[in-house]
């Protein structure tokens, strides 16, 4: 009896979804540690406009759309008569990974920024994401379905196609991008977390963007801060210990 095998295309489609909920759960448990939080306990319920049930429905809807589009894309890309795609060398994969990171960052920066600049798009589309004044891990994908389609699903698909990576490499890329996004929205300032140590675009950086004073700054996501620095939308900030425990991210510019 032949062993059951799952194709790289299927894994690339579903593994990031599983990764999203696994890491959201981990960050959710860490959220009980008051001394790691950028916002005090209870702030999510007090300050956020969207309820957690609304967020859950929104995230699940986006993931359903994401699965449908990625499945279609993988069928088109993988339509080679059933021949398996040869995996390139580690160096080539690393270069493709980096190209995909830059491509996704570039797409999301300008798309994200335009949704703030255009008052109609902000009011009717992007404001849904900013209903989470106090972000939390499993709410990182909560946004308007059109925004999720344009910025996340299409942006990720373009990064995949531009980089030329194989479906197998994309499993790792999309899983990493998912973990990075969850970390940025976790609201947990973890000094030992390599994602927050190695990347300047971390949870505190993005928390500034969700604040009223930083709403028109720090658009870059999910990897680098380069485009903010180049185009003058970078908001410097400091992270200070909060009285009563935990931390607080504070902008350093007067607006």
Protein backbone atom coordinates (compact mmCIF):
# COMPACT_ATOMS: atom_id res chain seq x y z
CA UNK A 1 0.00 0.00 0.00
CA UNK A 2 1.44 3.35 -1.06
CA UNK A 3 2.26 5.82 1.67
CA UNK A 4 -0.02 8.83 1.95
CA UNK A 5 1.70 11.92 0.58
CA UNK A 6 0.68 15.57 0.69
CA UNK A 7 1.93 17.80 -2.11
CA UNK A 8 4.03 20.91 -1.49
CA UNK A 9 1.24 22.95 -3.07
CA UNK A 10 -1.26 21.75 -0.48
CA UNK A 11 1.19 22.30 2.38
CA UNK A 12 1.96 25.81 1.15
CA UNK A 13 -1.76 26.56 1.22
CA UNK A 14 -2.69 25.17 4.63
CA UNK A 15 0.46 25.20 6.80
CA UNK A 16 0.51 29.03 7.21
CA UNK A 17 -3.10 28.89 8.44
CA UNK A 18 -2.18 26.27 11.04
CA UNK A 19 0.92 28.28 11.98
CA UNK A 20 -1.25 31.37 12.47
CA UNK A 21 -3.44 29.72 15.10
CA UNK A 22 -0.63 27.81 16.81
CA UNK A 23 1.51 30.91 17.31
CA UNK A 24 -1.51 33.05 18.18
CA UNK A 25 -2.24 30.54 20.93
CA UNK A 26 1.34 30.70 22.20
CA UNK A 27 1.30 34.50 22.30
CA UNK A 28 -2.14 34.37 23.91
CA UNK A 29 -0.74 32.33 26.78
CA UNK A 30 2.26 34.66 27.10
CA UNK A 31 -0.19 37.54 27.33
CA UNK A 32 -1.03 36.47 30.86
CA UNK A 33 2.44 37.74 31.84
CA UNK A 34 1.70 41.35 32.77
CA UNK A 35 5.37 42.35 32.70
CA UNK A 36 5.60 41.63 28.95
CA UNK A 37 2.57 43.59 27.78
CA UNK A 38 2.60 46.93 25.93
CA UNK A 39 -0.95 47.54 27.20
CA UNK A 40 -2.43 46.60 30.58
CA UNK A 41 -4.77 43.64 30.89
CA UNK A 42 -8.33 44.54 29.99
CA UNK A 43 -7.29 47.29 27.57
CA UNK A 44 -8.39 45.18 24.59
CA UNK A 45 -11.99 45.04 25.82
CA UNK A 46 -12.04 48.70 26.93
CA UNK A 47 -10.44 50.41 23.92
CA UNK A 48 -11.11 48.21 20.90
CA UNK A 49 -14.18 48.94 18.79
CA UNK A 50 -14.47 45.42 17.35
CA UNK A 51 -15.48 42.56 19.63
CA UNK A 52 -13.44 39.37 19.68
CA UNK A 53 -16.31 37.52 18.02
CA UNK A 54 -16.25 40.02 15.15
CA UNK A 55 -12.49 39.60 14.90
CA UNK A 56 -12.79 35.81 14.81
CA UNK A 57 -15.35 35.94 11.99
CA UNK A 58 -13.21 38.42 10.03
CA UNK A 59 -10.03 36.37 10.35
CA UNK A 60 -11.73 33.11 9.37
CA UNK A 61 -13.30 34.78 6.32
CA UNK A 62 -9.93 36.10 5.19
CA UNK A 63 -8.32 32.70 5.62
CA UNK A 64 -11.05 31.03 3.54
CA UNK A 65 -10.48 33.55 0.72
CA UNK A 66 -6.72 33.12 1.09
CA UNK A 67 -6.97 29.34 0.80
CA UNK A 68 -9.19 29.58 -2.29
CA UNK A 69 -6.90 31.98 -4.15
CA UNK A 70 -3.64 30.24 -3.20
CA UNK A 71 -5.14 26.88 -4.23
CA UNK A 72 -6.04 28.33 -7.63
CA UNK A 73 -2.61 29.92 -8.04
CA UNK A 74 -0.82 26.69 -7.15
CA UNK A 75 -2.90 24.78 -9.70
CA UNK A 76 -1.92 27.25 -12.40
CA UNK A 77 1.76 27.42 -11.43
CA UNK A 78 2.00 23.66 -10.88
CA UNK A 79 0.28 22.70 -14.14
CA UNK A 80 3.29 20.95 -15.69
CA UNK A 81 1.84 17.59 -16.57
CA UNK A 82 2.44 16.13 -13.14
CA UNK A 83 6.21 16.56 -13.18
CA UNK A 84 7.72 17.39 -9.80
CA UNK A 85 9.54 20.68 -9.38
CA UNK A 86 13.22 20.31 -8.58
CA UNK A 87 14.22 22.16 -5.44
CA UNK A 88 17.15 24.58 -6.06
CA UNK A 89 20.21 24.90 -3.86
CA UNK A 90 20.05 26.45 -0.40
CA UNK A 91 21.79 29.63 -1.65
CA UNK A 92 19.26 30.08 -4.45
CA UNK A 93 16.39 29.49 -2.01
CA UNK A 94 17.85 32.08 0.37
CA UNK A 95 18.06 34.65 -2.44
CA UNK A 96 14.48 33.91 -3.47
CA UNK A 97 13.40 34.24 0.15
CA UNK A 98 15.01 37.69 0.41
CA UNK A 99 13.53 38.83 -2.92
CA UNK A 100 10.09 37.74 -1.74
CA UNK A 101 10.53 39.64 1.55
CA UNK A 102 11.45 42.87 -0.29
CA UNK A 103 8.63 42.44 -2.83
CA UNK A 104 6.00 41.83 -0.15
CA UNK A 105 7.26 44.75 1.94
CA UNK A 106 7.19 47.11 -1.03
CA UNK A 107 3.66 46.08 -2.03
CA UNK A 108 2.30 46.32 1.48
CA UNK A 109 4.00 49.63 2.27
CA UNK A 110 2.48 51.52 -0.64
CA UNK A 111 -0.88 49.75 -0.39
CA UNK A 112 -1.05 50.33 3.36
CA UNK A 113 0.03 53.97 3.06
CA UNK A 114 -2.49 54.71 0.31
CA UNK A 115 -5.29 53.31 2.44
CA UNK A 116 -4.39 55.92 5.05
CA UNK A 117 -3.94 58.81 2.60
CA UNK A 118 -7.18 58.16 0.73
CA UNK A 119 -9.94 59.21 3.12
CA UNK A 120 -12.59 57.08 1.39
CA UNK A 121 -10.47 53.92 1.57
CA UNK A 122 -9.54 54.57 5.17
CA UNK A 123 -13.12 55.21 6.28
CA UNK A 124 -14.70 52.29 4.45
CA UNK A 125 -11.89 49.72 4.38
CA UNK A 126 -8.73 50.20 6.44
CA UNK A 127 -10.42 51.64 9.53
CA UNK A 128 -11.70 48.12 10.20
CA UNK A 129 -8.17 47.00 11.07
CA UNK A 130 -7.67 50.06 13.26
CA UNK A 131 -10.76 49.13 15.22
CA UNK A 132 -8.13 47.20 17.19
CA UNK A 133 -6.55 50.14 18.97
CA UNK A 134 -4.91 47.59 21.23
CA UNK A 135 -3.67 44.83 18.86
CA UNK A 136 -3.46 41.20 19.90
CA UNK A 137 -1.90 38.19 18.20
CA UNK A 138 -4.85 36.40 16.63
CA UNK A 139 -6.32 39.70 15.46
CA UNK A 140 -3.39 40.41 13.15
CA UNK A 141 -5.39 39.32 10.08
CA UNK A 142 -8.50 41.22 11.08
CA UNK A 143 -9.28 43.70 8.33
CA UNK A 144 -11.74 44.40 5.54
CA UNK A 145 -12.00 41.44 3.09
CA UNK A 146 -10.93 43.70 0.21
CA UNK A 147 -7.85 44.85 2.10
CA UNK A 148 -6.98 41.26 2.98
CA UNK A 149 -7.31 40.32 -0.68
CA UNK A 150 -5.24 43.23 -2.02
CA UNK A 151 -2.48 43.54 0.57
CA UNK A 152 -2.07 40.05 1.99
CA UNK A 153 -3.30 37.49 -0.53
CA UNK A 154 -2.38 39.25 -3.78
CA UNK A 155 0.76 40.72 -2.20
CA UNK A 156 1.90 37.29 -1.08
CA UNK A 157 1.09 35.79 -4.48
CA UNK A 158 3.13 38.46 -6.26
CA UNK A 159 6.07 37.90 -3.89
CA UNK A 160 5.88 34.18 -4.69
CA UNK A 161 5.80 34.74 -8.46
CA UNK A 162 8.43 37.51 -8.57
CA UNK A 163 10.91 35.56 -6.46
CA UNK A 164 10.48 32.40 -8.54
CA UNK A 165 10.45 30.24 -5.42
CA UNK A 166 9.10 26.71 -5.52
CA UNK A 167 5.97 25.68 -3.59
CA UNK A 168 8.24 23.93 -1.08
CA UNK A 169 10.19 27.11 -0.36
CA UNK A 170 6.94 29.05 -0.13
CA UNK A 171 5.84 26.84 2.76
CA UNK A 172 8.65 28.30 4.83
CA UNK A 173 8.27 31.84 3.46
CA UNK A 174 4.54 32.18 4.11
CA UNK A 175 4.85 30.50 7.50
CA UNK A 176 7.61 32.93 8.47
CA UNK A 177 5.62 35.93 7.19
CA UNK A 178 2.64 34.70 9.21
CA UNK A 179 4.68 34.35 12.41
CA UNK A 180 6.16 37.81 11.85
CA UNK A 181 2.72 39.38 11.44
CA UNK A 182 1.36 37.63 14.54
CA UNK A 183 4.39 38.79 16.53
CA UNK A 184 3.98 42.40 15.37
CA UNK A 185 0.37 42.47 16.56
CA UNK A 186 0.89 40.45 19.73
CA UNK A 187 1.20 43.44 22.05
CA UNK A 188 4.00 41.59 23.86
CA UNK A 189 7.42 43.20 24.20
CA UNK A 190 9.73 40.22 24.63
CA UNK A 191 13.41 41.15 24.96
CA UNK A 192 14.50 37.54 24.30
CA UNK A 193 12.40 37.14 21.14
CA UNK A 194 14.73 36.93 18.10
CA UNK A 195 12.03 38.40 15.85
CA UNK A 196 12.01 41.53 18.01
CA UNK A 197 15.79 41.64 18.45
CA UNK A 198 16.78 41.07 14.81
CA UNK A 199 14.04 43.17 13.17
CA UNK A 200 13.52 46.88 13.83
CA UNK A 201 10.01 46.40 12.45
CA UNK A 202 8.78 44.73 15.60
CA UNK A 203 5.81 44.79 17.97
CA UNK A 204 6.69 48.19 19.45
CA UNK A 205 7.28 49.70 16.01
CA UNK A 206 3.85 48.62 14.83
CA UNK A 207 2.16 49.52 18.11
CA UNK A 208 3.14 53.13 17.41
CA UNK A 209 1.21 52.93 14.13
CA UNK A 210 -1.94 51.82 15.97
CA UNK A 211 -1.71 54.82 18.28
CA UNK A 212 -3.41 58.10 17.39
CA UNK A 213 -0.12 60.01 17.24
CA UNK A 214 1.52 57.39 15.03
CA UNK A 215 -1.42 56.69 12.73
CA UNK A 216 0.30 58.31 9.73
CA UNK A 217 3.70 56.79 10.41
CA UNK A 218 5.36 53.37 10.52
CA UNK A 219 3.40 51.90 7.62
CA UNK A 220 6.07 49.32 6.81
CA UNK A 221 5.20 45.66 7.31
CA UNK A 222 5.94 42.86 7.88
CA UNK A 223 9.75 42.73 7.71
CA UNK A 224 11.81 45.90 7.27
CA UNK A 225 11.52 49.62 8.09
CA UNK A 226 13.36 50.66 4.91
CA UNK A 227 10.44 52.19 3.03
CA UNK A 228 9.41 54.32 6.02
CA UNK A 229 12.96 55.64 6.29
CA UNK A 230 13.24 56.31 2.54
CA UNK A 231 9.89 58.06 2.17
CA UNK A 232 9.87 60.02 5.43
CA UNK A 233 7.13 58.14 7.30
CA UNK A 234 9.32 56.75 10.04
CA UNK A 235 8.33 57.62 13.60
CA UNK A 236 11.14 57.22 16.16
CA UNK A 237 9.99 55.90 19.50
CA UNK A 238 11.09 54.67 22.86
CA UNK A 239 9.91 51.74 24.95
CA UNK A 240 9.61 52.53 28.65
CA UNK A 241 8.59 50.50 31.65
CA UNK A 242 5.00 51.20 32.63
CA UNK A 243 4.08 51.96 36.21
CA UNK A 244 2.36 48.88 37.55
CA UNK A 245 4.22 46.48 35.26
CA UNK A 246 4.81 45.97 31.59
CA UNK A 247 6.00 48.40 28.93
CA UNK A 248 4.76 51.31 26.87
CA UNK A 249 5.82 52.41 23.36
CA UNK A 250 5.98 56.21 23.06
CA UNK A 251 6.50 58.31 19.89
CA UNK A 252 9.42 60.75 20.04
CA UNK A 253 8.01 63.29 17.57
CA UNK A 254 5.51 66.01 18.36
CA UNK A 255 2.88 66.03 15.62
